[in-house]
Protein backbone atom coordinates (compact mmCIF):
# COMPACT_ATOMS: atom_id res chain seq x y z
CA MET A 1 31.79 -75.63 -78.80
CA VAL A 2 28.06 -74.77 -78.88
CA ASN A 3 27.20 -71.61 -76.94
CA ASP A 4 23.58 -72.54 -76.25
CA LYS A 5 22.74 -69.31 -74.39
CA ARG A 6 24.00 -67.08 -77.19
CA LEU A 7 22.13 -69.12 -79.80
CA PHE A 8 18.95 -69.01 -77.73
CA TYR A 9 19.17 -65.24 -77.22
CA GLY A 10 19.79 -64.82 -80.94
CA SER A 11 16.70 -66.92 -81.67
CA CYS A 12 14.61 -64.76 -79.34
CA LEU A 13 15.82 -61.56 -81.03
CA ALA A 14 14.97 -63.05 -84.42
CA LEU A 15 11.44 -63.83 -83.20
CA ILE A 16 11.14 -60.29 -81.83
CA THR A 17 12.00 -59.09 -85.35
CA THR A 18 9.09 -61.22 -86.61
CA ALA A 19 6.73 -59.77 -84.00
CA LEU A 20 7.78 -56.17 -84.68
CA SER A 21 7.25 -56.68 -88.40
CA PHE A 22 3.72 -57.85 -87.56
CA SER A 23 2.73 -55.10 -85.11
CA ILE A 24 4.60 -52.06 -86.43
CA ARG A 25 3.56 -52.68 -90.02
CA ALA A 26 -0.05 -52.93 -88.78
CA GLY A 27 0.40 -49.65 -86.91
CA ILE A 28 1.68 -47.74 -89.94
CA LEU A 29 -0.96 -48.93 -92.43
CA PRO A 30 -3.03 -45.73 -92.15
CA GLN A 31 0.07 -43.60 -92.85
CA LEU A 32 1.09 -45.81 -95.76
CA GLY A 33 -2.37 -45.62 -97.27
CA GLU A 34 -2.49 -41.83 -96.96
CA GLN A 35 1.05 -40.93 -98.09
CA LEU A 36 1.23 -43.40 -100.98
CA SER A 37 -2.45 -43.10 -101.97
CA LEU A 38 -3.08 -46.82 -101.50
CA THR A 39 -6.58 -48.28 -101.40
CA PRO A 40 -7.73 -50.66 -98.66
CA VAL A 41 -7.59 -53.49 -101.19
CA GLN A 42 -3.95 -52.68 -101.98
CA LEU A 43 -3.12 -52.53 -98.25
CA GLY A 44 -4.81 -55.92 -97.85
CA PHE A 45 -2.64 -57.43 -100.59
CA ILE A 46 0.48 -55.95 -98.94
CA ASN A 47 -0.48 -57.62 -95.65
CA SER A 48 -1.17 -60.93 -97.40
CA MET A 49 2.45 -61.05 -98.59
CA TRP A 50 3.53 -61.38 -94.93
CA PHE A 51 1.33 -64.47 -94.52
CA LEU A 52 2.42 -65.91 -97.89
CA GLY A 53 6.18 -65.65 -97.35
CA PHE A 54 6.01 -66.99 -93.79
CA PRO A 55 4.69 -70.55 -94.40
CA LEU A 56 6.46 -70.86 -97.74
CA SER A 57 9.92 -70.41 -96.21
CA MET A 58 8.96 -72.55 -93.21
CA VAL A 59 8.30 -75.54 -95.46
CA VAL A 60 11.39 -75.00 -97.61
CA GLY A 61 13.50 -74.41 -94.49
CA GLY A 62 12.25 -77.66 -92.99
CA LEU A 63 13.16 -79.54 -96.17
CA VAL A 64 16.75 -78.24 -96.24
CA TYR A 65 17.43 -77.96 -92.49
CA TYR A 66 19.53 -81.13 -92.27
CA THR A 67 21.21 -80.46 -95.61
CA ILE A 68 22.45 -76.89 -95.16
CA GLY A 69 21.91 -76.45 -91.40
CA PRO A 70 20.31 -73.72 -89.27
CA LYS A 71 23.27 -71.35 -89.68
CA LYS A 72 22.72 -70.83 -93.41
CA ILE A 73 18.95 -70.62 -92.97
CA MET A 74 19.42 -67.81 -90.45
CA GLN A 75 21.92 -66.08 -92.74
CA PHE A 76 19.20 -66.01 -95.40
CA ALA A 77 16.70 -64.83 -92.76
CA PHE A 78 18.96 -61.87 -91.99
CA PHE A 79 19.34 -61.08 -95.70
CA ALA A 80 15.57 -61.24 -96.24
CA HIS A 81 14.80 -59.16 -93.14
CA ALA A 82 17.44 -56.50 -93.86
CA VAL A 83 16.63 -56.11 -97.57
CA GLY A 84 12.90 -56.21 -96.85
CA ILE A 85 13.19 -53.45 -94.23
CA LEU A 86 15.34 -51.23 -96.48
CA LEU A 87 13.09 -51.80 -99.49
CA THR A 88 10.04 -50.92 -97.41
CA ILE A 89 11.61 -47.60 -96.43
CA TYR A 90 13.06 -46.57 -99.79
CA SER A 91 10.82 -48.15 -102.45
CA GLY A 92 7.99 -45.61 -102.22
CA SER A 93 5.72 -47.73 -104.41
CA TYR A 94 2.97 -50.31 -104.15
CA MET A 95 4.98 -52.97 -105.98
CA GLY A 96 8.01 -52.29 -103.80
CA LEU A 97 5.91 -52.76 -100.66
CA LEU A 98 4.55 -56.05 -102.01
CA ILE A 99 8.08 -57.36 -102.58
CA SER A 100 9.47 -56.01 -99.32
CA THR A 101 6.65 -57.49 -97.23
CA PHE A 102 7.09 -60.84 -98.97
CA LEU A 103 10.83 -60.77 -98.17
CA ILE A 104 10.14 -60.00 -94.51
CA GLY A 105 7.65 -62.89 -94.47
CA LEU A 106 10.37 -65.17 -95.85
CA GLY A 107 12.74 -64.05 -93.09
CA ASN A 108 10.08 -64.72 -90.46
CA GLY A 109 9.42 -68.22 -91.76
CA CYS A 110 13.15 -69.00 -91.85
CA THR A 111 13.36 -67.98 -88.19
CA GLU A 112 10.74 -70.56 -87.24
CA ALA A 113 12.20 -73.21 -89.58
CA ALA A 114 15.70 -72.87 -88.12
CA CYS A 115 15.12 -72.02 -84.45
CA ASN A 116 12.43 -74.56 -83.51
CA PRO A 117 14.52 -77.63 -84.42
CA MET A 118 17.71 -75.94 -83.18
CA ILE A 119 16.16 -75.51 -79.72
CA SER A 120 14.88 -79.10 -79.87
CA ASP A 121 18.40 -80.31 -80.72
CA THR A 122 20.01 -78.20 -77.97
CA TYR A 123 17.88 -79.18 -74.97
CA GLU A 124 16.37 -82.39 -73.59
CA GLY A 125 13.02 -83.36 -72.07
CA VAL A 126 11.42 -80.83 -69.72
CA LYS A 127 14.19 -78.31 -70.42
CA MET A 128 13.33 -78.47 -74.13
CA SER A 129 9.64 -77.72 -73.41
CA LYS A 130 10.67 -74.89 -71.08
CA MET A 131 12.97 -73.26 -73.62
CA MET A 132 10.51 -73.77 -76.49
CA ASN A 133 7.84 -71.91 -74.50
CA ARG A 134 10.30 -69.15 -73.55
CA PHE A 135 11.36 -68.78 -77.17
CA HIS A 136 7.74 -68.45 -78.34
CA MET A 137 6.88 -65.96 -75.59
CA TRP A 138 8.68 -63.34 -77.67
CA PHE A 139 6.09 -63.36 -80.44
CA PRO A 140 3.27 -62.00 -78.25
CA GLY A 141 5.88 -60.12 -76.17
CA GLY A 142 7.27 -58.51 -79.30
CA ILE A 143 3.76 -57.59 -80.48
CA VAL A 144 3.21 -55.72 -77.20
CA ILE A 145 6.55 -53.92 -77.62
CA GLY A 146 5.86 -53.10 -81.28
CA SER A 147 2.32 -51.89 -80.61
CA LEU A 148 3.49 -49.53 -77.86
CA VAL A 149 6.44 -48.27 -79.91
CA SER A 150 4.25 -47.65 -82.95
CA LYS A 151 1.58 -45.83 -80.92
CA PHE A 152 4.18 -43.68 -79.13
CA MET A 153 6.02 -42.78 -82.34
CA THR A 154 2.80 -42.06 -84.22
CA ASP A 155 1.48 -39.84 -81.41
CA ALA A 156 4.87 -38.08 -81.26
CA GLY A 157 4.70 -37.29 -84.96
CA PHE A 158 7.32 -39.74 -86.27
CA GLY A 159 6.81 -40.91 -89.84
CA TRP A 160 6.26 -44.51 -90.80
CA GLU A 161 9.84 -44.75 -92.15
CA SER A 162 11.26 -44.10 -88.67
CA GLN A 163 9.06 -46.83 -87.24
CA ILE A 164 10.26 -49.36 -89.81
CA TRP A 165 13.86 -48.54 -88.85
CA VAL A 166 13.04 -49.84 -85.35
CA ILE A 167 12.63 -53.35 -86.81
CA MET A 168 16.26 -53.21 -87.95
CA ILE A 169 17.52 -53.02 -84.34
CA PRO A 170 16.74 -56.64 -83.28
CA THR A 171 17.66 -57.77 -86.81
CA VAL A 172 21.23 -56.51 -86.47
CA VAL A 173 21.52 -57.81 -82.89
CA TYR A 174 20.44 -61.37 -83.75
CA ALA A 175 22.84 -61.41 -86.69
CA TYR A 176 25.66 -60.39 -84.31
CA LEU A 177 24.71 -63.08 -81.77
CA PHE A 178 24.67 -65.81 -84.42
CA PHE A 179 27.87 -64.64 -86.14
CA GLY A 180 30.75 -67.12 -85.85
CA GLN A 181 28.85 -69.54 -83.61
CA GLU A 182 28.87 -73.34 -83.76
CA PHE A 183 25.36 -74.78 -84.06
CA PRO A 184 24.10 -78.01 -82.40
CA LYS A 185 24.10 -81.34 -84.19
CA PRO A 186 20.78 -83.12 -84.83
CA LYS A 187 19.65 -85.45 -82.04
CA VAL A 188 18.10 -88.03 -84.35
CA ALA A 189 20.39 -89.30 -87.07
CA LEU A 190 17.44 -90.45 -89.16
CA SER A 191 16.18 -86.89 -89.32
CA ALA A 192 18.80 -86.26 -92.00
CA SER A 193 16.71 -88.42 -94.33
CA ILE A 194 13.71 -86.74 -95.91
CA SER A 195 12.22 -90.19 -96.60
CA GLU A 196 12.34 -90.98 -92.87
CA ASN A 197 10.76 -87.62 -92.10
CA LEU A 198 7.95 -88.28 -94.55
CA LYS A 199 7.42 -91.80 -93.20
CA ALA A 200 6.97 -90.39 -89.69
CA MET A 201 4.64 -87.72 -91.05
CA VAL A 202 2.18 -90.23 -92.53
CA SER A 203 1.68 -91.75 -89.10
CA PRO A 204 -1.82 -91.37 -87.54
CA LEU A 205 -0.41 -89.32 -84.66
CA PHE A 206 1.24 -86.74 -86.92
CA ILE A 207 -1.82 -86.43 -89.17
CA PHE A 208 -3.95 -85.91 -86.04
CA ILE A 209 -1.65 -83.11 -84.79
CA PHE A 210 -1.56 -81.60 -88.29
CA ALA A 211 -5.36 -81.27 -88.26
CA CYS A 212 -5.43 -79.97 -84.69
CA MET A 213 -2.82 -77.29 -85.51
CA ALA A 214 -5.19 -75.71 -88.05
CA LEU A 215 -7.79 -75.33 -85.30
CA THR A 216 -5.40 -74.11 -82.57
CA ALA A 217 -3.98 -71.46 -84.90
CA ILE A 218 -7.35 -70.01 -85.91
CA THR A 219 -8.49 -70.14 -82.27
CA GLU A 220 -5.46 -67.95 -81.48
CA PHE A 221 -5.34 -65.62 -84.48
CA GLY A 222 -9.05 -65.47 -85.42
CA PRO A 223 -10.56 -63.53 -82.49
CA GLN A 224 -7.39 -61.42 -82.11
CA GLN A 225 -7.42 -60.23 -85.72
CA TRP A 226 -11.05 -59.12 -85.44
CA THR A 227 -10.92 -57.68 -81.92
CA GLY A 228 -11.09 -54.08 -83.10
CA ILE A 229 -14.18 -54.57 -85.23
CA ILE A 230 -16.03 -56.92 -82.90
CA LEU A 231 -15.35 -55.23 -79.55
CA SER A 232 -15.29 -51.57 -80.62
CA LYS A 233 -18.94 -51.12 -79.60
CA SER A 234 -18.80 -53.24 -76.43
CA GLY A 235 -17.62 -50.52 -74.06
CA ALA A 236 -14.10 -52.02 -73.90
CA GLN A 237 -10.98 -50.59 -75.58
CA PRO A 238 -9.95 -53.04 -78.37
CA MET A 239 -6.23 -52.10 -78.26
CA LEU A 240 -6.17 -52.57 -74.48
CA ILE A 241 -7.78 -55.98 -74.97
CA LEU A 242 -5.11 -56.88 -77.54
CA ALA A 243 -2.29 -55.65 -75.29
CA LEU A 244 -3.74 -57.54 -72.32
CA VAL A 245 -4.05 -60.77 -74.30
CA THR A 246 -0.57 -60.68 -75.85
CA GLY A 247 1.06 -59.50 -72.62
CA LEU A 248 -0.45 -62.34 -70.61
CA MET A 249 0.50 -64.81 -73.33
CA ALA A 250 4.14 -63.73 -73.03
CA VAL A 251 4.12 -64.12 -69.24
CA ALA A 252 2.37 -67.50 -69.43
CA ARG A 253 4.87 -68.83 -71.95
CA TYR A 254 7.77 -67.73 -69.77
CA PHE A 255 6.52 -70.11 -67.08
CA GLY A 256 5.41 -72.71 -69.63
CA GLY A 257 8.12 -75.22 -68.78
CA GLU A 258 6.85 -75.67 -65.23
CA VAL A 259 3.26 -76.06 -66.44
CA VAL A 260 4.25 -78.71 -69.02
CA HIS A 261 6.30 -80.55 -66.39
CA LYS A 262 3.23 -80.88 -64.15
CA LEU A 263 0.57 -81.60 -66.77
CA ASP A 264 2.52 -82.97 -69.77
CA GLN A 265 1.95 -81.46 -73.20
CA THR A 266 -1.32 -83.32 -73.71
CA GLY A 267 -2.75 -82.07 -70.41
CA VAL A 268 -1.66 -78.52 -71.20
CA LEU A 269 -3.27 -78.63 -74.65
CA LEU A 270 -6.54 -80.00 -73.24
CA GLY A 271 -6.67 -77.38 -70.48
CA SER A 272 -5.86 -74.68 -73.04
CA ALA A 273 -8.78 -75.74 -75.25
CA VAL A 274 -11.18 -75.56 -72.29
CA LEU A 275 -10.00 -72.06 -71.26
CA ALA A 276 -10.05 -70.80 -74.86
CA THR A 277 -13.65 -72.01 -75.25
CA ILE A 278 -14.71 -70.25 -72.05
CA GLY A 279 -12.83 -67.09 -73.05
CA ILE A 280 -14.44 -66.82 -76.50
CA TYR A 281 -17.86 -67.59 -75.01
CA LEU A 282 -17.43 -64.72 -72.55
CA PHE A 283 -16.29 -62.43 -75.39
CA SER A 284 -19.52 -63.31 -77.21
CA THR A 285 -21.80 -62.54 -74.25
CA GLN A 286 -20.12 -59.87 -72.09
CA THR A 287 -19.56 -56.14 -72.49
CA GLY A 288 -17.68 -53.39 -70.66
CA THR A 289 -15.40 -54.42 -67.81
CA MET A 290 -16.25 -58.12 -68.16
CA ALA A 291 -14.63 -58.09 -71.62
CA TYR A 292 -11.28 -57.66 -69.86
CA ALA A 293 -12.00 -60.70 -67.67
CA ALA A 294 -12.81 -62.64 -70.83
CA ALA A 295 -9.49 -61.48 -72.31
CA ILE A 296 -7.57 -62.89 -69.32
CA ILE A 297 -9.19 -66.33 -69.62
CA TYR A 298 -8.82 -66.33 -73.41
CA ALA A 299 -5.12 -65.37 -73.19
CA LEU A 300 -4.36 -68.17 -70.74
CA GLY A 301 -6.17 -70.54 -73.09
CA ILE A 302 -4.30 -69.72 -76.29
CA ALA A 303 -0.87 -69.00 -74.75
CA TYR A 304 0.36 -72.60 -74.79
CA PHE A 305 -1.11 -73.75 -78.10
CA TRP A 306 1.64 -72.86 -80.59
CA PRO A 307 4.83 -73.75 -78.64
CA ASN A 308 3.39 -77.00 -77.30
CA MET A 309 2.07 -78.17 -80.66
CA ILE A 310 5.59 -77.70 -82.04
CA GLY A 311 7.10 -79.19 -78.87
CA PHE A 312 4.76 -82.19 -79.07
CA VAL A 313 6.02 -82.99 -82.58
CA ALA A 314 9.64 -82.66 -81.42
CA ALA A 315 9.13 -84.86 -78.35
CA LYS A 316 6.56 -87.44 -79.47
CA ILE A 317 7.26 -87.70 -83.24
CA PRO A 318 11.04 -87.01 -83.33
CA LYS A 319 11.65 -88.86 -86.61
CA SER A 320 9.57 -86.24 -88.45
CA GLY A 321 12.55 -83.95 -87.74
CA ALA A 322 12.76 -80.28 -88.64
CA LEU A 323 10.45 -80.87 -91.61
CA GLY A 324 7.68 -82.11 -89.32
CA MET A 325 7.93 -79.06 -87.06
CA SER A 326 7.98 -76.72 -90.05
CA ILE A 327 4.98 -78.39 -91.71
CA VAL A 328 2.93 -78.16 -88.51
CA GLY A 329 3.86 -74.49 -88.08
CA ALA A 330 3.09 -73.77 -91.73
CA VAL A 331 -0.38 -75.32 -91.59
CA GLY A 332 -1.09 -73.03 -88.64
CA MET A 333 -0.25 -69.96 -90.73
CA PHE A 334 -2.11 -71.25 -93.79
CA SER A 335 -5.25 -71.95 -91.77
CA SER A 336 -5.11 -68.46 -90.28
CA SER A 337 -4.92 -66.97 -93.75
CA ILE A 338 -7.73 -69.17 -95.14
CA PHE A 339 -10.15 -68.58 -92.27
CA GLN A 340 -9.80 -64.77 -92.17
CA PRO A 341 -12.09 -64.08 -95.17
CA ILE A 342 -14.49 -66.76 -93.90
CA ILE A 343 -14.76 -64.93 -90.56
CA GLY A 344 -15.27 -61.70 -92.47
CA ASN A 345 -18.22 -63.30 -94.31
CA TRP A 346 -19.66 -64.46 -90.97
CA ILE A 347 -19.58 -60.88 -89.73
CA ASN A 348 -21.33 -59.62 -92.87
CA SER A 349 -23.98 -62.34 -92.65
CA ASP A 350 -24.57 -61.65 -88.96
CA ARG A 351 -24.98 -57.93 -89.69
CA VAL A 352 -27.69 -58.70 -92.23
CA GLU A 353 -29.40 -61.08 -89.84
CA GLN A 354 -29.31 -58.65 -86.91
CA ALA A 355 -30.43 -55.75 -89.12
CA ALA A 356 -33.46 -57.84 -90.12
CA LEU A 357 -34.35 -57.96 -86.43
CA GLY A 358 -34.51 -54.17 -86.37
CA LEU A 359 -31.11 -53.37 -84.82
CA THR A 360 -29.16 -50.33 -86.01
CA GLY A 361 -25.99 -48.37 -85.23
CA ASP A 362 -23.81 -49.52 -82.33
CA ASP A 363 -26.37 -52.09 -81.21
CA LEU A 364 -26.22 -53.71 -84.64
CA GLU A 365 -22.40 -53.82 -84.70
CA LEU A 366 -22.19 -55.29 -81.19
CA ALA A 367 -24.85 -57.94 -81.81
CA ALA A 368 -23.27 -58.98 -85.13
CA GLY A 369 -19.79 -59.14 -83.62
CA GLN A 370 -20.91 -61.22 -80.66
CA ALA A 371 -22.85 -63.56 -82.96
CA THR A 372 -19.68 -64.12 -84.98
CA LEU A 373 -17.69 -64.82 -81.82
CA SER A 374 -20.28 -67.37 -80.75
CA THR A 375 -19.71 -69.14 -84.07
CA MET A 376 -15.93 -69.13 -83.44
CA ILE A 377 -16.49 -71.17 -80.27
CA ILE A 378 -16.71 -74.20 -82.54
CA PHE A 379 -12.91 -74.17 -83.06
CA PRO A 380 -11.78 -74.69 -79.44
CA ALA A 381 -14.87 -76.84 -78.70
CA ILE A 382 -13.72 -79.36 -81.30
CA LEU A 383 -10.25 -79.18 -79.77
CA ILE A 384 -11.61 -80.17 -76.34
CA ILE A 385 -12.81 -83.45 -77.86
CA ALA A 386 -9.63 -83.89 -79.94
CA PHE A 387 -7.21 -83.24 -77.07
CA THR A 388 -9.18 -85.51 -74.74
CA LEU A 389 -8.62 -88.29 -77.27
CA LEU A 390 -4.96 -87.27 -77.58
CA TYR A 391 -4.51 -87.38 -73.79
CA PHE A 392 -5.60 -91.01 -73.57
CA TRP A 393 -3.86 -91.89 -76.85
CA VAL A 394 -0.46 -90.75 -75.54
CA LYS A 395 -1.17 -92.33 -72.14
CA ASN A 396 -1.77 -95.69 -73.83
CA MET A 397 1.40 -95.23 -75.89
CA LYS A 398 3.43 -94.74 -72.71
CA SER A 399 1.84 -97.80 -71.12
CA SER A 400 2.68 -99.90 -74.19
CA GLU A 401 6.29 -98.68 -74.22
CA ALA A 402 6.64 -99.42 -70.50
CA ALA A 403 5.34 -102.96 -71.04
């Protein structure tokens, strides 16, 4: 008998492991660089392993989901997380950190590859959207937890090894919750066929969502990744902005099921694009206290992107199966990775441009950062047009099915 609550709680703990690996590892980078004499370039390559392992295992997990099942995928996730954590602590070398971070990335991707379709197979309709949002609330929620834990432990004088041990706590708990459990059977029998998955994935609707996912992901991860650099001279505290954004995202996703029930996924995605556009615009024009108001609007805009893009594929393109959900999630991670250096180049170019106007010091940094943010508005602005089309597209589909 499937114990859906235990499986769901286990999934949430696995996603918290993912979030802690993201936030705590970011928090310990200065200590790693100092103690192991690593250059910024080497630290950058270590971080890139997290983003490389994540989408890679998502795609492979989606391909084998209906062959080996979510249970074995999560067993590998536990192995990758546990070995990656231990290797991080005991390797004491640059190469060891590269391998360990890659392993943790693999575990993170397996979590998404197994748990998204498992939740889709466990729940129906509105309940599925509700639980998908509540599952994904633990990524921003876990980032808040990890950021606070890392800051507290660093301020208290704990070494980076002690902080990495914290990631092992949810890892062991999710393994315990999954141990010996029966997992749900696939809803759609055709999903067991990769050829049927691929056929559904060459449909216009899937290709449209695939393209939109690249834009929703960079709208979410782009401004957040550069918050510290862009807002450090604005009079606002960048880490408070990050905590405010991720905290609100977690709360919004908790209540996501009710929002989706009232507006449908297409309405939620369209409204999210509008709020995200307004939020980034305010980031690019406001300073001081108003930056926190911008953070609130921005957080409410991006909160529903990721879970509802995955949920849309599960609900509206079910024959794409676990592979479809994994591919959409993977393109989100790949786009985030690809756009990061592009955004970095925008910042450099804007610095040169603003310096040519005679700006220096903090004024230069603020003007360049806000100019870059104004360029980033293009991502959610395109999504407003795309999701308006999607809204009427799905509406027409429902009318045709009713007829």
